[in-house]
Amino acid sequence: RRIFKMAPLHHHFELSGWKETQVVVRFWIITILLVLIGLSS
C-alpha cells in the first residue's frame, strides 16, 4: 500500500490535480521562504 499517489512528492501533487507549472512555482516559493529563514540565522 502507498502513502502517496506517487513518489517523489512532486508527482503526488501532479496526480492530485496540480499542473506541472503550479507544482514547480509553488515549490520555488516555498524554497524562497526557507532560504529567507536560513539567512535570518
Full PDB file with SEQRES, HELIX, SHEET, SSBOND, CRYST1, ORIGX, SCALE, CONECT and MASTER records, all heavy atoms in Angstrom:
SEQRES   1 A   41  ARG ARG ILE PHE LYS MET ALA PRO LEU HIS HIS HIS PHE          
SEQRES   2 A   41  GLU LEU SER GLY TRP LYS GLU THR GLN VAL VAL VAL ARG          
SEQRES   3 A   41  PHE TRP ILE ILE THR ILE LEU LEU VAL LEU ILE GLY LEU          
SEQRES   4 A   41  SER SER                                                      
HELIX    1 AA1 LEU A    9  LEU A   15  1                                   7    
HELIX    2 AA2 GLU A   20  SER A   40  1                                  21    
CRYST1    1.000    1.000    1.000  90.00  90.00  90.00 P 1           1          
ORIGX1      1.000000  0.000000  0.000000        0.00000                         
ORIGX2      0.000000  1.000000  0.000000        0.00000                         
ORIGX3      0.000000  0.000000  1.000000        0.00000                         
SCALE1      1.000000  0.000000  0.000000        0.00000                         
SCALE2      0.000000  1.000000  0.000000        0.00000                         
SCALE3      0.000000  0.000000  1.000000        0.00000                         
ATOM      1  N   ARG A   1       0.848  -1.194   0.000  1.00  0.00           N  
ATOM      2  CA  ARG A   1       0.000   0.000   0.000  1.00  0.00           C  
ATOM      3  C   ARG A   1       0.882   1.243   0.000  1.00  0.00           C  
ATOM      4  O   ARG A   1       2.020   1.222   0.458  1.00  0.00           O  
ATOM      5  CB  ARG A   1      -0.915  -0.005   1.233  1.00  0.00           C  
ATOM      6  CG  ARG A   1      -1.841  -1.215   1.282  1.00  0.00           C  
ATOM      7  CD  ARG A   1      -2.699  -1.227   2.528  1.00  0.00           C  
ATOM      8  NE  ARG A   1      -3.541  -2.429   2.585  1.00  0.00           N  
ATOM      9  CZ  ARG A   1      -4.381  -2.710   3.585  1.00  0.00           C  
ATOM     10  NH1 ARG A   1      -4.473  -1.878   4.616  1.00  0.00           N  
ATOM     11  NH2 ARG A   1      -5.088  -3.821   3.554  1.00  0.00           N  
ATOM     12  N   ARG A   2       0.305   2.335  -0.502  1.00  0.00           N  
ATOM     13  CA  ARG A   2       1.087   3.556  -0.672  1.00  0.00           C  
ATOM     14  C   ARG A   2       0.553   4.681   0.214  1.00  0.00           C  
ATOM     15  O   ARG A   2      -0.656   4.780   0.444  1.00  0.00           O  
ATOM     16  CB  ARG A   2       1.070   4.011  -2.136  1.00  0.00           C  
ATOM     17  CG  ARG A   2       1.808   3.063  -3.084  1.00  0.00           C  
ATOM     18  CD  ARG A   2       1.660   3.509  -4.528  1.00  0.00           C  
ATOM     19  NE  ARG A   2       2.533   2.754  -5.415  1.00  0.00           N  
ATOM     20  CZ  ARG A   2       2.231   1.568  -5.920  1.00  0.00           C  
ATOM     21  NH1 ARG A   2       1.052   1.005  -5.624  1.00  0.00           N  
ATOM     22  NH2 ARG A   2       3.083   0.943  -6.711  1.00  0.00           N  
ATOM     23  N   ILE A   3       1.473   5.525   0.671  1.00  0.00           N  
ATOM     24  CA  ILE A   3       1.092   6.737   1.404  1.00  0.00           C  
ATOM     25  C   ILE A   3       0.756   7.836   0.409  1.00  0.00           C  
ATOM     26  O   ILE A   3      -0.242   8.544   0.556  1.00  0.00           O  
ATOM     27  CB  ILE A   3       2.238   7.193   2.325  1.00  0.00           C  
ATOM     28  CG1 ILE A   3       2.567   6.109   3.346  1.00  0.00           C  
ATOM     29  CG2 ILE A   3       1.868   8.496   3.032  1.00  0.00           C  
ATOM     30  CD1 ILE A   3       3.785   6.440   4.205  1.00  0.00           C  
ATOM     31  N   PHE A   4       1.598   7.973  -0.607  1.00  0.00           N  
ATOM     32  CA  PHE A   4       1.404   8.985  -1.639  1.00  0.00           C  
ATOM     33  C   PHE A   4       0.943   8.321  -2.936  1.00  0.00           C  
ATOM     34  O   PHE A   4       1.201   7.137  -3.157  1.00  0.00           O  
ATOM     35  CB  PHE A   4       2.716   9.750  -1.884  1.00  0.00           C  
ATOM     36  CG  PHE A   4       3.319  10.350  -0.650  1.00  0.00           C  
ATOM     37  CD1 PHE A   4       4.392   9.736  -0.019  1.00  0.00           C  
ATOM     38  CD2 PHE A   4       2.815  11.525  -0.113  1.00  0.00           C  
ATOM     39  CE1 PHE A   4       4.964  10.274   1.119  1.00  0.00           C  
ATOM     40  CE2 PHE A   4       3.366  12.078   1.027  1.00  0.00           C  
ATOM     41  CZ  PHE A   4       4.437  11.448   1.654  1.00  0.00           C  
ATOM     42  N   LYS A   5       0.285   9.091  -3.767  1.00  0.00           N  
ATOM     43  CA  LYS A   5      -0.152   8.546  -5.051  1.00  0.00           C  
ATOM     44  C   LYS A   5       1.041   8.132  -5.898  1.00  0.00           C  
ATOM     45  O   LYS A   5       0.952   7.187  -6.688  1.00  0.00           O  
ATOM     46  CB  LYS A   5      -1.000   9.587  -5.793  1.00  0.00           C  
ATOM     47  CG  LYS A   5      -2.321   9.899  -5.080  1.00  0.00           C  
ATOM     48  CD  LYS A   5      -3.127  10.935  -5.833  1.00  0.00           C  
ATOM     49  CE  LYS A   5      -4.452  11.212  -5.110  1.00  0.00           C  
ATOM     50  NZ  LYS A   5      -5.266  12.237  -5.802  1.00  0.00           N  
ATOM     51  N   MET A   6       2.140   8.857  -5.719  1.00  0.00           N  
ATOM     52  CA  MET A   6       3.372   8.524  -6.404  1.00  0.00           C  
ATOM     53  C   MET A   6       4.511   9.295  -5.747  1.00  0.00           C  
ATOM     54  O   MET A   6       4.313  10.408  -5.249  1.00  0.00           O  
ATOM     55  CB  MET A   6       3.285   8.886  -7.900  1.00  0.00           C  
ATOM     56  CG  MET A   6       4.456   8.425  -8.736  1.00  0.00           C  
ATOM     57  SD  MET A   6       4.207   8.816 -10.496  1.00  0.00           S  
ATOM     58  CE  MET A   6       5.750   8.200 -11.176  1.00  0.00           C  
ATOM     59  N   ALA A   7       5.661   8.690  -5.655  1.00  0.00           N  
ATOM     60  CA  ALA A   7       6.836   9.363  -5.110  1.00  0.00           C  
ATOM     61  C   ALA A   7       7.886   9.492  -6.211  1.00  0.00           C  
ATOM     62  O   ALA A   7       7.937   8.664  -7.118  1.00  0.00           O  
ATOM     63  CB  ALA A   7       7.397   8.570  -3.922  1.00  0.00           C  
ATOM     64  N   PRO A   8       8.722  10.549  -6.148  1.00  0.00           N  
ATOM     65  CA  PRO A   8       8.822  11.608  -5.145  1.00  0.00           C  
ATOM     66  C   PRO A   8       7.578  12.511  -5.076  1.00  0.00           C  
ATOM     67  O   PRO A   8       6.679  12.398  -5.897  1.00  0.00           O  
ATOM     68  CB  PRO A   8      10.047  12.412  -5.585  1.00  0.00           C  
ATOM     69  CG  PRO A   8      10.827  11.503  -6.461  1.00  0.00           C  
ATOM     70  CD  PRO A   8       9.793  10.668  -7.161  1.00  0.00           C  
ATOM     71  N   LEU A   9       7.604  13.408  -4.102  1.00  0.00           N  
ATOM     72  CA  LEU A   9       6.430  14.165  -3.702  1.00  0.00           C  
ATOM     73  C   LEU A   9       5.814  14.989  -4.824  1.00  0.00           C  
ATOM     74  O   LEU A   9       4.591  15.155  -4.878  1.00  0.00           O  
ATOM     75  CB  LEU A   9       6.806  15.075  -2.525  1.00  0.00           C  
ATOM     76  CG  LEU A   9       5.672  15.756  -1.767  1.00  0.00           C  
ATOM     77  CD1 LEU A   9       4.721  14.725  -1.176  1.00  0.00           C  
ATOM     78  CD2 LEU A   9       6.243  16.653  -0.671  1.00  0.00           C  
ATOM     79  N   HIS A  10       6.633  15.522  -5.738  1.00  0.00           N  
ATOM     80  CA  HIS A  10       6.082  16.388  -6.784  1.00  0.00           C  
ATOM     81  C   HIS A  10       5.107  15.626  -7.676  1.00  0.00           C  
ATOM     82  O   HIS A  10       4.143  16.200  -8.179  1.00  0.00           O  
ATOM     83  CB  HIS A  10       7.199  17.033  -7.612  1.00  0.00           C  
ATOM     84  CG  HIS A  10       8.182  16.082  -8.199  1.00  0.00           C  
ATOM     85  ND1 HIS A  10       9.393  15.801  -7.615  1.00  0.00           N  
ATOM     86  CD2 HIS A  10       8.135  15.335  -9.333  1.00  0.00           C  
ATOM     87  CE1 HIS A  10      10.061  14.940  -8.360  1.00  0.00           C  
ATOM     88  NE2 HIS A  10       9.318  14.636  -9.418  1.00  0.00           N  
ATOM     89  N   HIS A  11       5.344  14.326  -7.881  1.00  0.00           N  
ATOM     90  CA  HIS A  11       4.422  13.534  -8.690  1.00  0.00           C  
ATOM     91  C   HIS A  11       3.090  13.313  -7.967  1.00  0.00           C  
ATOM     92  O   HIS A  11       2.045  13.212  -8.609  1.00  0.00           O  
ATOM     93  CB  HIS A  11       5.056  12.186  -9.034  1.00  0.00           C  
ATOM     94  CG  HIS A  11       6.182  12.282 -10.015  1.00  0.00           C  
ATOM     95  ND1 HIS A  11       6.128  13.074 -11.136  1.00  0.00           N  
ATOM     96  CD2 HIS A  11       7.409  11.681 -10.044  1.00  0.00           C  
ATOM     97  CE1 HIS A  11       7.257  12.962 -11.818  1.00  0.00           C  
ATOM     98  NE2 HIS A  11       8.054  12.131 -11.169  1.00  0.00           N  
ATOM     99  N   HIS A  12       3.139  13.250  -6.658  1.00  0.00           N  
ATOM    100  CA  HIS A  12       1.906  13.104  -5.876  1.00  0.00           C  
ATOM    101  C   HIS A  12       0.977  14.290  -6.125  1.00  0.00           C  
ATOM    102  O   HIS A  12      -0.229  14.121  -6.332  1.00  0.00           O  
ATOM    103  CB  HIS A  12       2.239  12.999  -4.389  1.00  0.00           C  
ATOM    104  CG  HIS A  12       1.047  13.108  -3.484  1.00  0.00           C  
ATOM    105  ND1 HIS A  12       0.178  12.056  -3.253  1.00  0.00           N  
ATOM    106  CD2 HIS A  12       0.555  14.162  -2.769  1.00  0.00           C  
ATOM    107  CE1 HIS A  12      -0.774  12.441  -2.425  1.00  0.00           C  
ATOM    108  NE2 HIS A  12      -0.568  13.718  -2.124  1.00  0.00           N  
ATOM    109  N   PHE A  13       1.540  15.488  -6.111  1.00  0.00           N  
ATOM    110  CA  PHE A  13       0.720  16.678  -6.328  1.00  0.00           C  
ATOM    111  C   PHE A  13       0.218  16.753  -7.768  1.00  0.00           C  
ATOM    112  O   PHE A  13      -0.908  17.213  -8.017  1.00  0.00           O  
ATOM    113  CB  PHE A  13       1.512  17.933  -5.971  1.00  0.00           C  
ATOM    114  CG  PHE A  13       1.730  18.108  -4.497  1.00  0.00           C  
ATOM    115  CD1 PHE A  13       2.998  18.018  -3.943  1.00  0.00           C  
ATOM    116  CD2 PHE A  13       0.657  18.355  -3.650  1.00  0.00           C  
ATOM    117  CE1 PHE A  13       3.197  18.168  -2.584  1.00  0.00           C  
ATOM    118  CE2 PHE A  13       0.846  18.509  -2.283  1.00  0.00           C  
ATOM    119  CZ  PHE A  13       2.114  18.412  -1.749  1.00  0.00           C  
ATOM    120  N   GLU A  14       1.031  16.307  -8.711  1.00  0.00           N  
ATOM    121  CA  GLU A  14       0.570  16.268 -10.100  1.00  0.00           C  
ATOM    122  C   GLU A  14      -0.631  15.340 -10.257  1.00  0.00           C  
ATOM    123  O   GLU A  14      -1.627  15.695 -10.898  1.00  0.00           O  
ATOM    124  CB  GLU A  14       1.703  15.800 -11.006  1.00  0.00           C  
ATOM    125  CG  GLU A  14       2.639  16.888 -11.476  1.00  0.00           C  
ATOM    126  CD  GLU A  14       3.457  16.428 -12.654  1.00  0.00           C  
ATOM    127  OE1 GLU A  14       4.325  15.562 -12.468  1.00  0.00           O  
ATOM    128  OE2 GLU A  14       3.223  16.934 -13.779  1.00  0.00           O  
ATOM    129  N   LEU A  15      -0.550  14.163  -9.668  1.00  0.00           N  
ATOM    130  CA  LEU A  15      -1.648  13.208  -9.763  1.00  0.00           C  
ATOM    131  C   LEU A  15      -2.852  13.646  -8.937  1.00  0.00           C  
ATOM    132  O   LEU A  15      -3.950  13.108  -9.101  1.00  0.00           O  
ATOM    133  CB  LEU A  15      -1.181  11.823  -9.301  1.00  0.00           C  
ATOM    134  CG  LEU A  15      -0.124  11.167 -10.198  1.00  0.00           C  
ATOM    135  CD1 LEU A  15       0.362   9.852  -9.594  1.00  0.00           C  
ATOM    136  CD2 LEU A  15      -0.675  10.936 -11.601  1.00  0.00           C  
ATOM    137  N   SER A  16      -2.648  14.629  -8.053  1.00  0.00           N  
ATOM    138  CA  SER A  16      -3.760  15.173  -7.261  1.00  0.00           C  
ATOM    139  C   SER A  16      -4.480  16.297  -7.988  1.00  0.00           C  
ATOM    140  O   SER A  16      -5.446  16.856  -7.466  1.00  0.00           O  
ATOM    141  CB  SER A  16      -3.237  15.683  -5.910  1.00  0.00           C  
ATOM    142  OG  SER A  16      -2.675  14.636  -5.156  1.00  0.00           O  
ATOM    143  N   GLY A  17      -3.990  16.651  -9.183  1.00  0.00           N  
ATOM    144  CA  GLY A  17      -4.680  17.655  -9.980  1.00  0.00           C  
ATOM    145  C   GLY A  17      -3.910  18.933 -10.232  1.00  0.00           C  
ATOM    146  O   GLY A  17      -4.372  19.787 -10.996  1.00  0.00           O  
ATOM    147  N   TRP A  18      -2.761  19.105  -9.598  1.00  0.00           N  
ATOM    148  CA  TRP A  18      -1.961  20.300  -9.850  1.00  0.00           C  
ATOM    149  C   TRP A  18      -1.306  20.191 -11.218  1.00  0.00           C  
ATOM    150  O   TRP A  18      -0.849  19.128 -11.630  1.00  0.00           O  
ATOM    151  CB  TRP A  18      -0.866  20.451  -8.805  1.00  0.00           C  
ATOM    152  CG  TRP A  18      -1.329  20.781  -7.419  1.00  0.00           C  
ATOM    153  CD1 TRP A  18      -2.580  20.618  -6.912  1.00  0.00           C  
ATOM    154  CD2 TRP A  18      -0.527  21.296  -6.359  1.00  0.00           C  
ATOM    155  NE1 TRP A  18      -2.614  21.006  -5.608  1.00  0.00           N  
ATOM    156  CE2 TRP A  18      -1.365  21.427  -5.234  1.00  0.00           C  
ATOM    157  CE3 TRP A  18       0.815  21.654  -6.240  1.00  0.00           C  
ATOM    158  CZ2 TRP A  18      -0.902  21.905  -4.015  1.00  0.00           C  
ATOM    159  CZ3 TRP A  18       1.275  22.131  -5.025  1.00  0.00           C  
ATOM    160  CH2 TRP A  18       0.431  22.261  -3.927  1.00  0.00           C  
ATOM    161  N   LYS A  19      -1.241  21.318 -11.925  1.00  0.00           N  
ATOM    162  CA  LYS A  19      -0.490  21.356 -13.169  1.00  0.00           C  
ATOM    163  C   LYS A  19       1.005  21.380 -12.860  1.00  0.00           C  
ATOM    164  O   LYS A  19       1.432  21.793 -11.776  1.00  0.00           O  
ATOM    165  CB  LYS A  19      -0.870  22.587 -13.990  1.00  0.00           C  
ATOM    166  CG  LYS A  19      -2.309  22.579 -14.495  1.00  0.00           C  
ATOM    167  CD  LYS A  19      -2.602  23.815 -15.318  1.00  0.00           C  
ATOM    168  CE  LYS A  19      -4.041  23.801 -15.834  1.00  0.00           C  
ATOM    169  NZ  LYS A  19      -4.355  25.004 -16.640  1.00  0.00           N  
ATOM    170  N   GLU A  20       1.790  20.924 -13.825  1.00  0.00           N  
ATOM    171  CA  GLU A  20       3.239  20.864 -13.616  1.00  0.00           C  
ATOM    172  C   GLU A  20       3.814  22.217 -13.229  1.00  0.00           C  
ATOM    173  O   GLU A  20       4.619  22.320 -12.299  1.00  0.00           O  
ATOM    174  CB  GLU A  20       3.934  20.348 -14.873  1.00  0.00           C  
ATOM    175  CG  GLU A  20       5.454  20.276 -14.740  1.00  0.00           C  
ATOM    176  CD  GLU A  20       6.121  19.661 -15.957  1.00  0.00           C  
ATOM    177  OE1 GLU A  20       5.398  19.149 -16.831  1.00  0.00           O  
ATOM    178  OE2 GLU A  20       7.359  19.696 -16.023  1.00  0.00           O  
ATOM    179  N   THR A  21       3.398  23.264 -13.921  1.00  0.00           N  
ATOM    180  CA  THR A  21       3.925  24.596 -13.612  1.00  0.00           C  
ATOM    181  C   THR A  21       3.498  25.063 -12.229  1.00  0.00           C  
ATOM    182  O   THR A  21       4.239  25.803 -11.570  1.00  0.00           O  
ATOM    183  CB  THR A  21       3.449  25.610 -14.667  1.00  0.00           C  
ATOM    184  OG1 THR A  21       2.026  25.498 -14.831  1.00  0.00           O  
ATOM    185  CG2 THR A  21       4.122  25.352 -16.008  1.00  0.00           C  
ATOM    186  N   GLN A  22       2.321  24.644 -11.771  1.00  0.00           N  
ATOM    187  CA  GLN A  22       1.886  25.004 -10.427  1.00  0.00           C  
ATOM    188  C   GLN A  22       2.775  24.358  -9.375  1.00  0.00           C  
ATOM    189  O   GLN A  22       3.177  25.010  -8.400  1.00  0.00           O  
ATOM    190  CB  GLN A  22       0.430  24.570 -10.199  1.00  0.00           C  
ATOM    191  CG  GLN A  22      -0.600  25.408 -10.945  1.00  0.00           C  
ATOM    192  CD  GLN A  22      -2.013  24.907 -10.690  1.00  0.00           C  
ATOM    193  OE1 GLN A  22      -2.300  23.719 -10.850  1.00  0.00           O  
ATOM    194  NE2 GLN A  22      -2.904  25.798 -10.295  1.00  0.00           N  
ATOM    195  N   VAL A  23       3.074  23.096  -9.566  1.00  0.00           N  
ATOM    196  CA  VAL A  23       3.960  22.397  -8.631  1.00  0.00           C  
ATOM    197  C   VAL A  23       5.315  23.085  -8.578  1.00  0.00           C  
ATOM    198  O   VAL A  23       5.858  23.368  -7.496  1.00  0.00           O  
ATOM    199  CB  VAL A  23       4.136  20.917  -9.036  1.00  0.00           C  
ATOM    200  CG1 VAL A  23       5.110  20.223  -8.088  1.00  0.00           C  
ATOM    201  CG2 VAL A  23       2.804  20.189  -9.043  1.00  0.00           C  
ATOM    202  N   VAL A  24       5.869  23.371  -9.738  1.00  0.00           N  
ATOM    203  CA  VAL A  24       7.206  23.957  -9.819  1.00  0.00           C  
ATOM    204  C   VAL A  24       7.264  25.320  -9.138  1.00  0.00           C  
ATOM    205  O   VAL A  24       8.115  25.571  -8.273  1.00  0.00           O  
ATOM    206  CB  VAL A  24       7.651  24.081 -11.293  1.00  0.00           C  
ATOM    207  CG1 VAL A  24       8.944  24.893 -11.396  1.00  0.00           C  
ATOM    208  CG2 VAL A  24       7.846  22.701 -11.903  1.00  0.00           C  
ATOM    209  N   VAL A  25       6.351  26.209  -9.495  1.00  0.00           N  
ATOM    210  CA  VAL A  25       6.383  27.567  -8.948  1.00  0.00           C  
ATOM    211  C   VAL A  25       6.104  27.558  -7.449  1.00  0.00           C  
ATOM    212  O   VAL A  25       6.737  28.301  -6.682  1.00  0.00           O  
ATOM    213  CB  VAL A  25       5.371  28.470  -9.689  1.00  0.00           C  
ATOM    214  CG1 VAL A  25       5.283  29.836  -9.022  1.00  0.00           C  
ATOM    215  CG2 VAL A  25       5.766  28.627 -11.149  1.00  0.00           C  
ATOM    216  N   ARG A  26       5.189  26.716  -7.003  1.00  0.00           N  
ATOM    217  CA  ARG A  26       4.898  26.656  -5.572  1.00  0.00           C  
ATOM    218  C   ARG A  26       6.074  26.107  -4.779  1.00  0.00           C  
ATOM    219  O   ARG A  26       6.346  26.570  -3.660  1.00  0.00           O  
ATOM    220  CB  ARG A  26       3.630  25.828  -5.336  1.00  0.00           C  
ATOM    221  CG  ARG A  26       2.366  26.576  -5.762  1.00  0.00           C  
ATOM    222  CD  ARG A  26       1.137  25.700  -5.772  1.00  0.00           C  
ATOM    223  NE  ARG A  26      -0.033  26.473  -6.210  1.00  0.00           N  
ATOM    224  CZ  ARG A  26      -1.239  25.955  -6.449  1.00  0.00           C  
ATOM    225  NH1 ARG A  26      -1.442  24.646  -6.292  1.00  0.00           N  
ATOM    226  NH2 ARG A  26      -2.232  26.737  -6.846  1.00  0.00           N  
ATOM    227  N   PHE A  27       6.780  25.157  -5.345  1.00  0.00           N  
ATOM    228  CA  PHE A  27       7.995  24.658  -4.687  1.00  0.00           C  
ATOM    229  C   PHE A  27       9.072  25.742  -4.672  1.00  0.00           C  
ATOM    230  O   PHE A  27       9.850  25.832  -3.717  1.00  0.00           O  
ATOM    231  CB  PHE A  27       8.513  23.404  -5.393  1.00  0.00           C  
ATOM    232  CG  PHE A  27       7.837  22.126  -4.941  1.00  0.00           C  
ATOM    233  CD1 PHE A  27       6.500  22.113  -4.587  1.00  0.00           C  
ATOM    234  CD2 PHE A  27       8.540  20.941  -4.874  1.00  0.00           C  
ATOM    235  CE1 PHE A  27       5.873  20.944  -4.174  1.00  0.00           C  
ATOM    236  CE2 PHE A  27       7.937  19.768  -4.461  1.00  0.00           C  
ATOM    237  CZ  PHE A  27       6.597  19.768  -4.110  1.00  0.00           C  
ATOM    238  N   TRP A  28       9.127  26.555  -5.711  1.00  0.00           N  
ATOM    239  CA  TRP A  28      10.061  27.685  -5.715  1.00  0.00           C  
ATOM    240  C   TRP A  28       9.725  28.655  -4.585  1.00  0.00           C  
ATOM    241  O   TRP A  28      10.617  29.130  -3.872  1.00  0.00           O  
ATOM    242  CB  TRP A  28       9.980  28.443  -7.040  1.00  0.00           C  
ATOM    243  CG  TRP A  28      10.579  27.757  -8.218  1.00  0.00           C  
ATOM    244  CD1 TRP A  28      11.198  26.540  -8.248  1.00  0.00           C  
ATOM    245  CD2 TRP A  28      10.601  28.255  -9.563  1.00  0.00           C  
ATOM    246  NE1 TRP A  28      11.610  26.238  -9.515  1.00  0.00           N  
ATOM    247  CE2 TRP A  28      11.261  27.269 -10.353  1.00  0.00           C  
ATOM    248  CE3 TRP A  28      10.141  29.411 -10.179  1.00  0.00           C  
ATOM    249  CZ2 TRP A  28      11.460  27.434 -11.722  1.00  0.00           C  
ATOM    250  CZ3 TRP A  28      10.338  29.588 -11.546  1.00  0.00           C  
ATOM    251  CH2 TRP A  28      10.992  28.611 -12.300  1.00  0.00           C  
ATOM    252  N   ILE A  29       8.445  28.968  -4.446  1.00  0.00           N  
ATOM    253  CA  ILE A  29       8.007  29.911  -3.412  1.00  0.00           C  
ATOM    254  C   ILE A  29       8.382  29.391  -2.026  1.00  0.00           C  
ATOM    255  O   ILE A  29       8.879  30.141  -1.178  1.00  0.00           O  
ATOM    256  CB  ILE A  29       6.488  30.150  -3.512  1.00  0.00           C  
ATOM    257  CG1 ILE A  29       6.147  30.885  -4.814  1.00  0.00           C  
ATOM    258  CG2 ILE A  29       5.983  30.954  -2.309  1.00  0.00           C  
ATOM    259  CD1 ILE A  29       4.663  30.980  -5.099  1.00  0.00           C  
ATOM    260  N   ILE A  30       8.142  28.112  -1.800  1.00  0.00           N  
ATOM    261  CA  ILE A  30       8.499  27.508  -0.513  1.00  0.00           C  
ATOM    262  C   ILE A  30      10.001  27.634  -0.271  1.00  0.00           C  
ATOM    263  O   ILE A  30      10.442  27.970   0.838  1.00  0.00           O  
ATOM    264  CB  ILE A  30       8.065  26.028  -0.474  1.00  0.00           C  
ATOM    265  CG1 ILE A  30       6.536  25.926  -0.484  1.00  0.00           C  
ATOM    266  CG2 ILE A  30       8.633  25.329   0.760  1.00  0.00           C  
ATOM    267  CD1 ILE A  30       6.026  24.513  -0.673  1.00  0.00           C  
ATOM    268  N   THR A  31      10.790  27.395  -1.305  1.00  0.00           N  
ATOM    269  CA  THR A  31      12.249  27.483  -1.164  1.00  0.00           C  
ATOM    270  C   THR A  31      12.682  28.901  -0.845  1.00  0.00           C  
ATOM    271  O   THR A  31      13.580  29.111  -0.015  1.00  0.00           O  
ATOM    272  CB  THR A  31      12.942  27.003  -2.449  1.00  0.00           C  
ATOM    273  OG1 THR A  31      12.573  25.644  -2.709  1.00  0.00           O  
ATOM    274  CG2 THR A  31      14.457  27.087  -2.313  1.00  0.00           C  
ATOM    275  N   ILE A  32      12.075  29.885  -1.488  1.00  0.00           N  
ATOM    276  CA  ILE A  32      12.401  31.287  -1.189  1.00  0.00           C  
ATOM    277  C   ILE A  32      12.164  31.584   0.286  1.00  0.00           C  
ATOM    278  O   ILE A  32      12.999  32.201   0.961  1.00  0.00           O  
ATOM    279  CB  ILE A  32      11.568  32.239  -2.076  1.00  0.00           C  
ATOM    280  CG1 ILE A  32      12.006  32.131  -3.534  1.00  0.00           C  
ATOM    281  CG2 ILE A  32      11.709  33.683  -1.594  1.00  0.00           C  
ATOM    282  CD1 ILE A  32      11.113  32.881  -4.510  1.00  0.00           C  
ATOM    283  N   LEU A  33      11.032  31.136   0.807  1.00  0.00           N  
ATOM    284  CA  LEU A  33      10.717  31.372   2.220  1.00  0.00           C  
ATOM    285  C   LEU A  33      11.716  30.660   3.129  1.00  0.00           C  
ATOM    286  O   LEU A  33      12.167  31.226   4.133  1.00  0.00           O  
ATOM    287  CB  LEU A  33       9.291  30.894   2.519  1.00  0.00           C  
ATOM    288  CG  LEU A  33       8.167  31.634   1.774  1.00  0.00           C  
ATOM    289  CD1 LEU A  33       6.811  30.995   2.083  1.00  0.00           C  
ATOM    290  CD2 LEU A  33       8.146  33.109   2.148  1.00  0.00           C  
ATOM    291  N   LEU A  34      12.062  29.430   2.784  1.00  0.00           N  
ATOM    292  CA  LEU A  34      13.016  28.671   3.599  1.00  0.00           C  
ATOM    293  C   LEU A  34      14.409  29.299   3.562  1.00  0.00           C  
ATOM    294  O   LEU A  34      15.117  29.323   4.580  1.00  0.00           O  
ATOM    295  CB  LEU A  34      13.079  27.221   3.116  1.00  0.00           C  
ATOM    296  CG  LEU A  34      11.808  26.388   3.324  1.00  0.00           C  
ATOM    297  CD1 LEU A  34      11.967  25.008   2.703  1.00  0.00           C  
ATOM    298  CD2 LEU A  34      11.485  26.256   4.814  1.00  0.00           C  
ATOM    299  N   VAL A  35      14.800  29.809   2.407  1.00  0.00           N  
ATOM    300  CA  VAL A  35      16.104  30.467   2.282  1.00  0.00           C  
ATOM    301  C   VAL A  35      16.135  31.741   3.133  1.00  0.00           C  
ATOM    302  O   VAL A  35      17.139  32.045   3.793  1.00  0.00           O  
ATOM    303  CB  VAL A  35      16.418  30.783   0.812  1.00  0.00           C  
ATOM    304  CG1 VAL A  35      17.599  31.754   0.694  1.00  0.00           C  
ATOM    305  CG2 VAL A  35      16.735  29.496   0.057  1.00  0.00           C  
ATOM    306  N   LEU A  36      15.033  32.485   3.151  1.00  0.00           N  
ATOM    307  CA  LEU A  36      14.961  33.687   3.985  1.00  0.00           C  
ATOM    308  C   LEU A  36      15.074  33.325   5.461  1.00  0.00           C  
ATOM    309  O   LEU A  36      15.714  34.045   6.242  1.00  0.00           O  
ATOM    310  CB  LEU A  36      13.649  34.434   3.717  1.00  0.00           C  
ATOM    311  CG  LEU A  36      13.532  35.107   2.343  1.00  0.00           C  
ATOM    312  CD1 LEU A  36      12.149  35.710   2.160  1.00  0.00           C  
ATOM    313  CD2 LEU A  36      14.609  36.170   2.169  1.00  0.00           C  
ATOM    314  N   ILE A  37      14.451  32.219   5.850  1.00  0.00           N  
ATOM    315  CA  ILE A  37      14.583  31.757   7.237  1.00  0.00           C  
ATOM    316  C   ILE A  37      16.047  31.418   7.537  1.00  0.00           C  
ATOM    317  O   ILE A  37      16.590  31.786   8.587  1.00  0.00           O  
ATOM    318  CB  ILE A  37      13.688  30.527   7.489  1.00  0.00           C  
ATOM    319  CG1 ILE A  37      12.210  30.924   7.418  1.00  0.00           C  
ATOM    320  CG2 ILE A  37      13.992  29.897   8.853  1.00  0.00           C  
ATOM    321  CD1 ILE A  37      11.249  29.751   7.481  1.00  0.00           C  
ATOM    322  N   GLY A  38      16.691  30.730   6.595  1.00  0.00           N  
ATOM    323  CA  GLY A  38      18.091  30.387   6.782  1.00  0.00           C  
ATOM    324  C   GLY A  38      18.986  31.613   6.885  1.00  0.00           C  
ATOM    325  O   GLY A  38      19.861  31.683   7.759  1.00  0.00           O  
ATOM    326  N   LEU A  39      18.747  32.594   6.018  1.00  0.00           N  
ATOM    327  CA  LEU A  39      19.549  33.816   6.052  1.00  0.00           C  
ATOM    328  C   LEU A  39      19.325  34.620   7.331  1.00  0.00           C  
ATOM    329  O   LEU A  39      20.230  35.314   7.807  1.00  0.00           O  
ATOM    330  CB  LEU A  39      19.242  34.678   4.832  1.00  0.00           C  
ATOM    331  CG  LEU A  39      19.790  34.182   3.486  1.00  0.00           C  
ATOM    332  CD1 LEU A  39      19.269  35.030   2.346  1.00  0.00           C  
ATOM    333  CD2 LEU A  39      21.319  34.173   3.495  1.00  0.00           C  
ATOM    334  N   SER A  40      18.127  34.521   7.879  1.00  0.00           N  
ATOM    335  CA  SER A  40      17.849  35.258   9.117  1.00  0.00           C  
ATOM    336  C   SER A  40      18.694  34.764  10.279  1.00  0.00           C  
ATOM    337  O   SER A  40      18.905  35.484  11.255  1.00  0.00           O  
ATOM    338  CB  SER A  40      16.355  35.154   9.471  1.00  0.00           C  
ATOM    339  OG  SER A  40      16.008  33.833   9.844  1.00  0.00           O  
ATOM    340  N   SER A  41      19.215  33.529  10.167  1.00  0.00           N  
ATOM    341  CA  SER A  41      20.062  32.997  11.234  1.00  0.00           C  
ATOM    342  C   SER A  41      21.408  33.710  11.298  1.00  0.00           C  
ATOM    343  O   SER A  41      22.155  33.544  12.269  1.00  0.00           O  
ATOM    344  CB  SER A  41      20.275  31.493  11.042  1.00  0.00           C  
ATOM    345  OG  SER A  41      21.073  31.232   9.903  1.00  0.00           O  
TER     346      SER A  41                                                      
MASTER        0    0    0    2    0    0    0    6  345    1    0    4          
END                                                                             
